[in-house]
Amino acid sequence: MDTAQFLKSHIRTVPDWPAPGVQFRDITPLLQDPLVFRVLVDAFVHRYMAPALKPTVVAGLDARGFIIGSVVAYELGLGFVPIRKKGKLPFTTVEETYELEYGSATVELHTDAVKSGDRVLLIDDLIATGGTMMAGKKLLEKLGATVIEGAAIVDLPELGGSDRLRESGLPLFTLVDFAGH
């Protein structure tokens, strides 16, 4: 079985959402079928079981990165750290503002979420312009952690985010590429 093609066949494309001309890649069908969800999670878990890539903690980006990241952390026997949109975390935070395809946003991380020397796997559902993942990486590094890899289900390479992230020194792992945006 070709895992990438199998997963890609379960991703729904919603045209003209959230704006005209955008082809939104909806991962929710991947989560609805237990077999498909297992294949998705296992693709990440098997990769990060390898000693050279095994993190000490998994961080997920708000909000769909929480779904995959928390399950992967659980399966690897690791803790999970949420990187949230501004104003959602109740404790002392660090923050990072970044540009999106449609404006700007700010994400936050608790100041005690990671410690110096932690090896972090940073997960999100999709890489478009790369802004969200880059902001997450910067937050984790502010606290002394090392982001060993960025991971996502979908890469939209034409939007340039994966190239920008790699140019910044962040290794990336994605399961599915979609041409266009």
N, C-alpha and C. Protein backbone atom coordinates (compact mmCIF):
# COMPACT_ATOMS: atom_id res chain seq x y z
N MET A 1 0.84 -1.19 0.00
CA MET A 1 0.00 0.00 0.00
C MET A 1 0.88 1.25 0.00
N ASP A 2 0.59 2.20 -0.84
CA ASP A 2 1.26 3.49 -0.87
C ASP A 2 0.56 4.39 0.16
N THR A 3 1.21 4.59 1.29
CA THR A 3 0.60 5.34 2.39
C THR A 3 0.20 6.75 1.96
N ALA A 4 1.08 7.45 1.27
CA ALA A 4 0.79 8.82 0.85
C ALA A 4 -0.46 8.88 -0.02
N GLN A 5 -0.54 8.00 -1.00
CA GLN A 5 -1.71 8.01 -1.90
C GLN A 5 -2.98 7.62 -1.14
N PHE A 6 -2.87 6.64 -0.24
CA PHE A 6 -4.01 6.23 0.57
C PHE A 6 -4.53 7.40 1.40
N LEU A 7 -3.63 8.11 2.07
CA LEU A 7 -4.05 9.25 2.89
C LEU A 7 -4.60 10.38 2.03
N LYS A 8 -3.93 10.64 0.91
CA LYS A 8 -4.37 11.72 0.02
C LYS A 8 -5.79 11.47 -0.48
N SER A 9 -6.13 10.21 -0.71
CA SER A 9 -7.47 9.88 -1.21
C SER A 9 -8.55 10.14 -0.16
N HIS A 10 -8.14 10.36 1.08
CA HIS A 10 -9.11 10.63 2.15
C HIS A 10 -9.10 12.08 2.61
N ILE A 11 -8.40 12.95 1.90
CA ILE A 11 -8.40 14.38 2.21
C ILE A 11 -9.37 15.06 1.26
N ARG A 12 -10.29 15.80 1.84
CA ARG A 12 -11.33 16.48 1.06
C ARG A 12 -10.82 17.86 0.64
N THR A 13 -11.08 18.22 -0.61
CA THR A 13 -10.77 19.56 -1.10
C THR A 13 -12.06 20.36 -1.16
N VAL A 14 -12.04 21.51 -0.47
CA VAL A 14 -13.20 22.40 -0.45
C VAL A 14 -12.82 23.66 -1.22
N PRO A 15 -13.42 23.84 -2.42
CA PRO A 15 -13.05 25.00 -3.24
C PRO A 15 -13.60 26.31 -2.66
N ASP A 16 -12.82 27.37 -2.86
CA ASP A 16 -13.23 28.73 -2.50
C ASP A 16 -13.51 28.91 -1.01
N TRP A 17 -12.72 28.22 -0.18
CA TRP A 17 -12.87 28.41 1.26
C TRP A 17 -11.50 28.50 1.91
N PRO A 18 -11.21 29.46 2.73
CA PRO A 18 -12.10 30.48 3.29
C PRO A 18 -12.25 31.73 2.43
N ALA A 19 -11.62 31.72 1.25
CA ALA A 19 -11.70 32.86 0.34
C ALA A 19 -11.76 32.35 -1.09
N PRO A 20 -12.33 33.15 -2.00
CA PRO A 20 -12.39 32.73 -3.41
C PRO A 20 -11.01 32.40 -3.95
N GLY A 21 -10.93 31.29 -4.68
CA GLY A 21 -9.68 30.86 -5.30
C GLY A 21 -8.85 29.92 -4.44
N VAL A 22 -9.18 29.79 -3.17
CA VAL A 22 -8.44 28.90 -2.28
C VAL A 22 -9.02 27.49 -2.35
N GLN A 23 -8.14 26.51 -2.47
CA GLN A 23 -8.54 25.10 -2.43
C GLN A 23 -8.19 24.58 -1.03
N PHE A 24 -9.16 24.56 -0.11
CA PHE A 24 -8.90 24.16 1.28
C PHE A 24 -8.76 22.65 1.36
N ARG A 25 -7.66 22.18 1.96
CA ARG A 25 -7.41 20.75 2.13
C ARG A 25 -7.89 20.35 3.53
N ASP A 26 -9.02 19.68 3.57
CA ASP A 26 -9.70 19.31 4.80
C ASP A 26 -9.28 17.92 5.26
N ILE A 27 -8.60 17.87 6.43
CA ILE A 27 -8.10 16.59 6.94
C ILE A 27 -9.13 15.84 7.79
N THR A 28 -10.28 16.44 8.06
CA THR A 28 -11.22 15.76 8.97
C THR A 28 -11.64 14.38 8.49
N PRO A 29 -11.76 14.09 7.19
CA PRO A 29 -12.08 12.72 6.80
C PRO A 29 -11.00 11.70 7.22
N LEU A 30 -9.75 12.15 7.39
CA LEU A 30 -8.69 11.24 7.86
C LEU A 30 -8.97 10.77 9.28
N LEU A 31 -9.67 11.59 10.03
CA LEU A 31 -9.91 11.31 11.45
C LEU A 31 -11.18 10.49 11.68
N GLN A 32 -12.07 10.50 10.71
CA GLN A 32 -13.39 9.89 10.89
C GLN A 32 -13.40 8.37 10.76
N ASP A 33 -12.52 7.83 9.97
CA ASP A 33 -12.46 6.39 9.74
C ASP A 33 -11.34 5.81 10.60
N PRO A 34 -11.64 4.85 11.49
CA PRO A 34 -10.61 4.34 12.40
C PRO A 34 -9.39 3.74 11.68
N LEU A 35 -9.59 3.08 10.56
CA LEU A 35 -8.46 2.50 9.84
C LEU A 35 -7.57 3.61 9.26
N VAL A 36 -8.19 4.60 8.64
CA VAL A 36 -7.44 5.70 8.04
C VAL A 36 -6.70 6.47 9.12
N PHE A 37 -7.36 6.73 10.24
CA PHE A 37 -6.74 7.44 11.35
C PHE A 37 -5.54 6.66 11.87
N ARG A 38 -5.65 5.35 11.98
CA ARG A 38 -4.55 4.50 12.45
C ARG A 38 -3.38 4.57 11.49
N VAL A 39 -3.64 4.49 10.17
CA VAL A 39 -2.57 4.58 9.18
C VAL A 39 -1.85 5.93 9.31
N LEU A 40 -2.61 7.00 9.47
CA LEU A 40 -2.05 8.34 9.62
C LEU A 40 -1.14 8.42 10.84
N VAL A 41 -1.66 8.03 11.98
CA VAL A 41 -0.88 8.09 13.23
C VAL A 41 0.35 7.20 13.14
N ASP A 42 0.18 5.98 12.65
CA ASP A 42 1.31 5.05 12.55
C ASP A 42 2.43 5.58 11.64
N ALA A 43 2.07 6.32 10.61
CA ALA A 43 3.09 6.87 9.72
C ALA A 43 4.04 7.79 10.49
N PHE A 44 3.48 8.57 11.40
CA PHE A 44 4.32 9.45 12.23
C PHE A 44 5.03 8.65 13.33
N VAL A 45 4.30 7.82 14.03
CA VAL A 45 4.85 7.08 15.17
C VAL A 45 6.04 6.22 14.73
N HIS A 46 5.89 5.50 13.64
CA HIS A 46 6.98 4.62 13.19
C HIS A 46 8.24 5.43 12.84
N ARG A 47 8.05 6.59 12.27
CA ARG A 47 9.20 7.44 11.94
C ARG A 47 9.93 7.88 13.21
N TYR A 48 9.18 8.31 14.21
CA TYR A 48 9.81 8.92 15.39
C TYR A 48 10.14 7.91 16.49
N MET A 49 9.96 6.62 16.23
CA MET A 49 10.45 5.58 17.13
C MET A 49 11.94 5.34 16.91
N ALA A 50 12.43 5.71 15.73
CA ALA A 50 13.85 5.53 15.42
C ALA A 50 14.69 6.35 16.40
N PRO A 51 15.69 5.73 17.01
CA PRO A 51 16.49 6.44 18.03
C PRO A 51 17.04 7.79 17.57
N ALA A 52 17.47 7.90 16.34
CA ALA A 52 18.05 9.16 15.86
C ALA A 52 17.02 10.28 15.77
N LEU A 53 15.76 9.92 15.61
CA LEU A 53 14.70 10.94 15.46
C LEU A 53 13.78 11.03 16.67
N LYS A 54 13.99 10.19 17.69
CA LYS A 54 13.06 10.18 18.81
C LYS A 54 13.16 11.48 19.61
N PRO A 55 12.04 12.17 19.73
CA PRO A 55 12.04 13.40 20.52
C PRO A 55 11.89 13.10 22.01
N THR A 56 12.05 14.13 22.84
CA THR A 56 11.75 13.99 24.26
C THR A 56 10.37 14.55 24.58
N VAL A 57 9.81 15.33 23.66
CA VAL A 57 8.48 15.91 23.82
C VAL A 57 7.91 16.23 22.43
N VAL A 58 6.59 16.22 22.33
CA VAL A 58 5.91 16.59 21.09
C VAL A 58 5.13 17.87 21.33
N ALA A 59 5.26 18.84 20.42
CA ALA A 59 4.51 20.08 20.49
C ALA A 59 3.57 20.14 19.29
N GLY A 60 2.34 20.55 19.53
CA GLY A 60 1.36 20.67 18.46
C GLY A 60 0.87 22.09 18.33
N LEU A 61 0.66 22.51 17.09
CA LEU A 61 0.19 23.87 16.81
C LEU A 61 -1.33 23.93 16.77
N ASP A 62 -1.87 24.96 17.38
CA ASP A 62 -3.31 25.19 17.49
C ASP A 62 -3.92 25.29 16.09
N ALA A 63 -4.93 24.56 15.82
CA ALA A 63 -5.64 23.61 16.66
C ALA A 63 -5.50 22.19 16.11
N ARG A 64 -5.40 22.03 14.81
CA ARG A 64 -5.37 20.66 14.28
C ARG A 64 -4.08 19.92 14.59
N GLY A 65 -3.01 20.65 14.88
CA GLY A 65 -1.78 20.01 15.33
C GLY A 65 -1.94 19.33 16.68
N PHE A 66 -2.95 19.77 17.45
CA PHE A 66 -3.23 19.12 18.74
C PHE A 66 -3.73 17.70 18.52
N ILE A 67 -4.55 17.52 17.51
CA ILE A 67 -5.18 16.21 17.27
C ILE A 67 -4.11 15.16 16.99
N ILE A 68 -3.26 15.44 16.03
CA ILE A 68 -2.24 14.47 15.65
C ILE A 68 -1.12 14.43 16.68
N GLY A 69 -0.66 15.60 17.11
CA GLY A 69 0.46 15.67 18.04
C GLY A 69 0.22 14.96 19.36
N SER A 70 -0.97 15.11 19.92
CA SER A 70 -1.23 14.47 21.21
C SER A 70 -1.28 12.95 21.08
N VAL A 71 -1.85 12.45 19.99
CA VAL A 71 -1.92 11.01 19.78
C VAL A 71 -0.52 10.44 19.53
N VAL A 72 0.28 11.13 18.74
CA VAL A 72 1.65 10.69 18.47
C VAL A 72 2.45 10.68 19.78
N ALA A 73 2.32 11.74 20.58
CA ALA A 73 3.02 11.79 21.87
C ALA A 73 2.62 10.61 22.74
N TYR A 74 1.34 10.34 22.82
CA TYR A 74 0.84 9.22 23.63
C TYR A 74 1.44 7.90 23.16
N GLU A 75 1.41 7.68 21.85
CA GLU A 75 1.92 6.43 21.29
C GLU A 75 3.43 6.27 21.50
N LEU A 76 4.15 7.39 21.57
CA LEU A 76 5.60 7.34 21.78
C LEU A 76 5.96 7.35 23.27
N GLY A 77 4.95 7.49 24.13
CA GLY A 77 5.21 7.53 25.57
C GLY A 77 5.83 8.84 26.02
N LEU A 78 5.46 9.94 25.34
CA LEU A 78 6.03 11.25 25.62
C LEU A 78 4.96 12.23 26.08
N GLY A 79 5.41 13.36 26.62
CA GLY A 79 4.50 14.44 26.97
C GLY A 79 4.14 15.24 25.73
N PHE A 80 3.04 16.00 25.85
CA PHE A 80 2.55 16.83 24.75
C PHE A 80 2.45 18.28 25.22
N VAL A 81 2.89 19.20 24.36
CA VAL A 81 2.87 20.63 24.65
C VAL A 81 2.01 21.34 23.60
N PRO A 82 0.94 22.03 24.03
CA PRO A 82 0.14 22.80 23.08
C PRO A 82 0.72 24.20 22.85
N ILE A 83 0.82 24.59 21.60
CA ILE A 83 1.15 25.97 21.25
C ILE A 83 -0.17 26.59 20.80
N ARG A 84 -0.64 27.56 21.58
CA ARG A 84 -2.01 28.06 21.42
C ARG A 84 -2.05 29.45 20.78
N LYS A 85 -3.22 29.79 20.28
CA LYS A 85 -3.48 31.15 19.83
C LYS A 85 -3.46 32.06 21.05
N LYS A 86 -3.08 33.30 20.84
CA LYS A 86 -2.94 34.28 21.93
C LYS A 86 -4.20 34.35 22.79
N GLY A 87 -3.96 34.37 24.11
CA GLY A 87 -5.06 34.56 25.05
C GLY A 87 -5.73 33.28 25.51
N LYS A 88 -5.24 32.12 25.11
CA LYS A 88 -5.87 30.84 25.46
C LYS A 88 -5.17 30.09 26.59
N LEU A 89 -3.95 30.50 26.94
CA LEU A 89 -3.20 29.79 27.97
C LEU A 89 -3.26 30.57 29.29
N PRO A 90 -3.52 29.89 30.42
CA PRO A 90 -3.77 30.58 31.68
C PRO A 90 -2.53 30.96 32.50
N PHE A 91 -1.35 30.45 32.14
CA PHE A 91 -0.15 30.67 32.93
C PHE A 91 0.75 31.67 32.22
N THR A 92 1.90 31.95 32.77
CA THR A 92 2.88 32.85 32.15
C THR A 92 3.31 32.28 30.80
N THR A 93 3.36 33.15 29.78
CA THR A 93 3.64 32.69 28.43
C THR A 93 4.74 33.51 27.76
N VAL A 94 5.28 32.95 26.69
CA VAL A 94 6.08 33.68 25.71
C VAL A 94 5.23 33.70 24.44
N GLU A 95 5.42 34.70 23.60
CA GLU A 95 4.59 34.80 22.40
C GLU A 95 5.41 35.14 21.18
N GLU A 96 4.81 34.83 20.03
CA GLU A 96 5.45 35.11 18.74
C GLU A 96 4.34 35.48 17.75
N THR A 97 4.53 36.60 17.05
CA THR A 97 3.57 37.04 16.04
C THR A 97 4.14 36.71 14.66
N TYR A 98 3.26 36.31 13.76
CA TYR A 98 3.69 35.90 12.43
C TYR A 98 2.62 36.26 11.40
N GLU A 99 3.02 36.19 10.14
CA GLU A 99 2.11 36.50 9.04
C GLU A 99 1.45 35.23 8.51
N LEU A 100 0.16 35.32 8.22
CA LEU A 100 -0.61 34.24 7.60
C LEU A 100 -0.90 34.59 6.16
N GLU A 101 -1.52 33.64 5.46
CA GLU A 101 -1.94 33.92 4.09
C GLU A 101 -2.95 35.07 4.06
N TYR A 102 -3.72 35.24 5.15
CA TYR A 102 -4.84 36.19 5.16
C TYR A 102 -4.72 37.23 6.27
N GLY A 103 -3.52 37.51 6.78
CA GLY A 103 -3.36 38.48 7.85
C GLY A 103 -2.22 38.09 8.77
N SER A 104 -2.35 38.41 10.06
CA SER A 104 -1.32 38.04 11.03
C SER A 104 -1.97 37.40 12.25
N ALA A 105 -1.16 36.71 13.03
CA ALA A 105 -1.65 36.04 14.23
C ALA A 105 -0.52 35.94 15.24
N THR A 106 -0.88 35.63 16.47
CA THR A 106 0.10 35.46 17.53
C THR A 106 -0.17 34.14 18.22
N VAL A 107 0.90 33.39 18.49
CA VAL A 107 0.78 32.14 19.24
C VAL A 107 1.59 32.27 20.53
N GLU A 108 1.19 31.45 21.53
CA GLU A 108 1.83 31.49 22.83
C GLU A 108 2.17 30.09 23.32
N LEU A 109 3.10 30.06 24.27
CA LEU A 109 3.55 28.82 24.87
C LEU A 109 3.82 29.11 26.34
N HIS A 110 3.39 28.21 27.23
CA HIS A 110 3.71 28.38 28.64
C HIS A 110 5.23 28.40 28.82
N THR A 111 5.70 29.23 29.73
CA THR A 111 7.14 29.36 29.95
C THR A 111 7.76 28.10 30.53
N ASP A 112 6.96 27.22 31.12
CA ASP A 112 7.49 25.97 31.67
C ASP A 112 7.15 24.75 30.81
N ALA A 113 6.75 24.99 29.55
CA ALA A 113 6.31 23.90 28.68
C ALA A 113 7.44 22.98 28.26
N VAL A 114 8.60 23.53 28.02
CA VAL A 114 9.78 22.76 27.66
C VAL A 114 10.96 23.31 28.44
N LYS A 115 12.03 22.53 28.47
CA LYS A 115 13.23 23.00 29.17
C LYS A 115 14.43 22.94 28.22
N SER A 116 15.46 23.60 28.61
CA SER A 116 16.68 23.60 27.82
C SER A 116 17.15 22.17 27.60
N GLY A 117 17.48 21.86 26.36
CA GLY A 117 17.94 20.53 26.01
C GLY A 117 16.86 19.60 25.51
N ASP A 118 15.58 19.96 25.68
CA ASP A 118 14.51 19.11 25.13
C ASP A 118 14.64 19.03 23.62
N ARG A 119 14.36 17.83 23.10
CA ARG A 119 14.34 17.57 21.66
C ARG A 119 12.87 17.50 21.26
N VAL A 120 12.41 18.50 20.52
CA VAL A 120 10.98 18.64 20.25
C VAL A 120 10.63 18.28 18.81
N LEU A 121 9.58 17.49 18.69
CA LEU A 121 8.93 17.26 17.41
C LEU A 121 7.77 18.24 17.34
N LEU A 122 7.74 19.09 16.33
CA LEU A 122 6.71 20.12 16.17
C LEU A 122 5.76 19.68 15.07
N ILE A 123 4.48 19.51 15.41
CA ILE A 123 3.50 18.96 14.47
C ILE A 123 2.36 19.93 14.20
N ASP A 124 1.95 19.98 12.93
CA ASP A 124 0.74 20.68 12.50
C ASP A 124 0.08 19.84 11.41
N ASP A 125 -1.10 20.26 11.01
CA ASP A 125 -1.81 19.50 9.98
C ASP A 125 -1.30 19.81 8.59
N LEU A 126 -0.86 21.07 8.36
CA LEU A 126 -0.60 21.51 6.99
C LEU A 126 0.46 22.60 6.99
N ILE A 127 1.31 22.59 5.98
CA ILE A 127 2.27 23.68 5.78
C ILE A 127 1.85 24.45 4.54
N ALA A 128 1.52 25.72 4.74
CA ALA A 128 1.17 26.60 3.62
C ALA A 128 2.32 27.60 3.45
N THR A 129 2.23 28.77 4.10
CA THR A 129 3.32 29.74 4.01
C THR A 129 4.43 29.47 5.02
N GLY A 130 4.17 28.58 5.97
CA GLY A 130 5.18 28.22 6.97
C GLY A 130 5.22 29.11 8.19
N GLY A 131 4.39 30.15 8.22
CA GLY A 131 4.42 31.11 9.32
C GLY A 131 4.11 30.52 10.68
N THR A 132 3.10 29.68 10.75
CA THR A 132 2.70 29.11 12.04
C THR A 132 3.81 28.20 12.58
N MET A 133 4.35 27.34 11.75
CA MET A 133 5.40 26.43 12.20
C MET A 133 6.66 27.20 12.57
N MET A 134 7.00 28.23 11.82
CA MET A 134 8.18 29.03 12.15
C MET A 134 7.99 29.72 13.50
N ALA A 135 6.79 30.25 13.76
CA ALA A 135 6.52 30.89 15.04
C ALA A 135 6.63 29.88 16.18
N GLY A 136 6.11 28.68 15.98
CA GLY A 136 6.22 27.62 16.99
C GLY A 136 7.68 27.27 17.27
N LYS A 137 8.46 27.16 16.22
CA LYS A 137 9.89 26.85 16.35
C LYS A 137 10.58 27.93 17.18
N LYS A 138 10.30 29.19 16.88
CA LYS A 138 10.93 30.30 17.59
C LYS A 138 10.54 30.29 19.07
N LEU A 139 9.28 30.00 19.36
CA LEU A 139 8.84 29.94 20.76
C LEU A 139 9.60 28.86 21.53
N LEU A 140 9.67 27.68 20.94
CA LEU A 140 10.36 26.56 21.60
C LEU A 140 11.84 26.88 21.82
N GLU A 141 12.45 27.51 20.83
CA GLU A 141 13.86 27.86 20.95
C GLU A 141 14.09 28.96 21.98
N LYS A 142 13.13 29.88 22.16
CA LYS A 142 13.23 30.91 23.20
C LYS A 142 13.39 30.28 24.57
N LEU A 143 12.79 29.10 24.75
CA LEU A 143 12.85 28.41 26.03
C LEU A 143 14.01 27.41 26.11
N GLY A 144 14.87 27.38 25.08
CA GLY A 144 16.07 26.55 25.12
C GLY A 144 15.93 25.17 24.51
N ALA A 145 14.77 24.85 23.97
CA ALA A 145 14.58 23.54 23.35
C ALA A 145 15.13 23.55 21.93
N THR A 146 15.36 22.35 21.39
CA THR A 146 15.78 22.18 20.01
C THR A 146 14.64 21.50 19.26
N VAL A 147 14.21 22.10 18.18
CA VAL A 147 13.18 21.47 17.35
C VAL A 147 13.91 20.57 16.38
N ILE A 148 13.75 19.25 16.58
CA ILE A 148 14.50 18.29 15.76
C ILE A 148 13.89 18.11 14.38
N GLU A 149 12.56 18.34 14.28
CA GLU A 149 11.91 18.22 12.98
C GLU A 149 10.52 18.85 13.07
N GLY A 150 10.10 19.42 11.96
CA GLY A 150 8.72 19.85 11.80
C GLY A 150 8.01 18.78 10.99
N ALA A 151 6.79 18.45 11.40
CA ALA A 151 6.03 17.40 10.70
C ALA A 151 4.63 17.90 10.42
N ALA A 152 4.10 17.49 9.28
CA ALA A 152 2.73 17.85 8.91
C ALA A 152 2.16 16.76 8.02
N ILE A 153 0.86 16.68 7.99
CA ILE A 153 0.19 15.75 7.11
C ILE A 153 0.35 16.22 5.67
N VAL A 154 0.03 17.49 5.43
CA VAL A 154 -0.03 18.06 4.07
C VAL A 154 0.98 19.17 3.89
N ASP A 155 1.63 19.17 2.73
CA ASP A 155 2.48 20.28 2.31
C ASP A 155 1.86 20.87 1.05
N LEU A 156 1.76 22.20 1.03
CA LEU A 156 1.34 22.93 -0.18
C LEU A 156 2.59 23.64 -0.71
N PRO A 157 3.44 22.93 -1.45
CA PRO A 157 4.76 23.46 -1.81
C PRO A 157 4.71 24.74 -2.64
N GLU A 158 3.67 24.95 -3.41
CA GLU A 158 3.61 26.15 -4.25
C GLU A 158 3.51 27.43 -3.43
N LEU A 159 3.09 27.32 -2.16
CA LEU A 159 3.00 28.51 -1.31
C LEU A 159 4.34 28.87 -0.66
N GLY A 160 5.33 27.97 -0.80
CA GLY A 160 6.69 28.30 -0.40
C GLY A 160 7.04 28.09 1.07
N GLY A 161 6.10 27.69 1.88
CA GLY A 161 6.37 27.54 3.31
C GLY A 161 7.40 26.47 3.62
N SER A 162 7.29 25.34 2.97
CA SER A 162 8.25 24.26 3.27
C SER A 162 9.67 24.66 2.86
N ASP A 163 9.80 25.39 1.75
CA ASP A 163 11.13 25.87 1.35
C ASP A 163 11.68 26.84 2.39
N ARG A 164 10.83 27.78 2.84
CA ARG A 164 11.27 28.76 3.84
C ARG A 164 11.69 28.08 5.14
N LEU A 165 10.92 27.09 5.57
CA LEU A 165 11.25 26.37 6.80
C LEU A 165 12.57 25.62 6.67
N ARG A 166 12.76 24.94 5.55
CA ARG A 166 14.03 24.22 5.34
C ARG A 166 15.21 25.19 5.27
N GLU A 167 15.00 26.34 4.60
CA GLU A 167 16.06 27.35 4.51
C GLU A 167 16.44 27.89 5.89
N SER A 168 15.49 27.86 6.83
CA SER A 168 15.76 28.33 8.19
C SER A 168 16.52 27.28 9.00
N GLY A 169 16.71 26.09 8.41
CA GLY A 169 17.41 25.02 9.10
C GLY A 169 16.52 23.99 9.74
N LEU A 170 15.22 24.08 9.54
CA LEU A 170 14.29 23.12 10.14
C LEU A 170 14.06 21.94 9.19
N PRO A 171 14.47 20.75 9.58
CA PRO A 171 14.14 19.58 8.76
C PRO A 171 12.61 19.37 8.79
N LEU A 172 12.05 18.92 7.68
CA LEU A 172 10.61 18.71 7.58
C LEU A 172 10.29 17.29 7.14
N PHE A 173 9.17 16.82 7.63
CA PHE A 173 8.62 15.54 7.19
C PHE A 173 7.13 15.75 6.94
N THR A 174 6.68 15.48 5.72
CA THR A 174 5.27 15.58 5.39
C THR A 174 4.85 14.29 4.69
N LEU A 175 3.58 13.99 4.80
CA LEU A 175 3.06 12.75 4.23
C LEU A 175 2.48 12.92 2.84
N VAL A 176 1.87 14.06 2.57
CA VAL A 176 1.14 14.29 1.32
C VAL A 176 1.45 15.67 0.79
N ASP A 177 1.70 15.78 -0.50
CA ASP A 177 1.86 17.08 -1.18
C ASP A 177 0.68 17.32 -2.09
N PHE A 178 0.23 18.57 -2.13
CA PHE A 178 -0.83 18.96 -3.07
C PHE A 178 -0.30 20.11 -3.91
N ALA A 179 -0.39 19.96 -5.22
CA ALA A 179 -0.07 21.07 -6.12
C ALA A 179 -1.19 22.09 -6.02
N GLY A 180 -0.84 23.36 -6.16
CA GLY A 180 -1.85 24.40 -6.07
C GLY A 180 -2.15 24.73 -4.63
N HIS A 181 -3.03 25.70 -4.44
CA HIS A 181 -3.39 26.11 -3.09
C HIS A 181 -4.86 26.43 -3.04
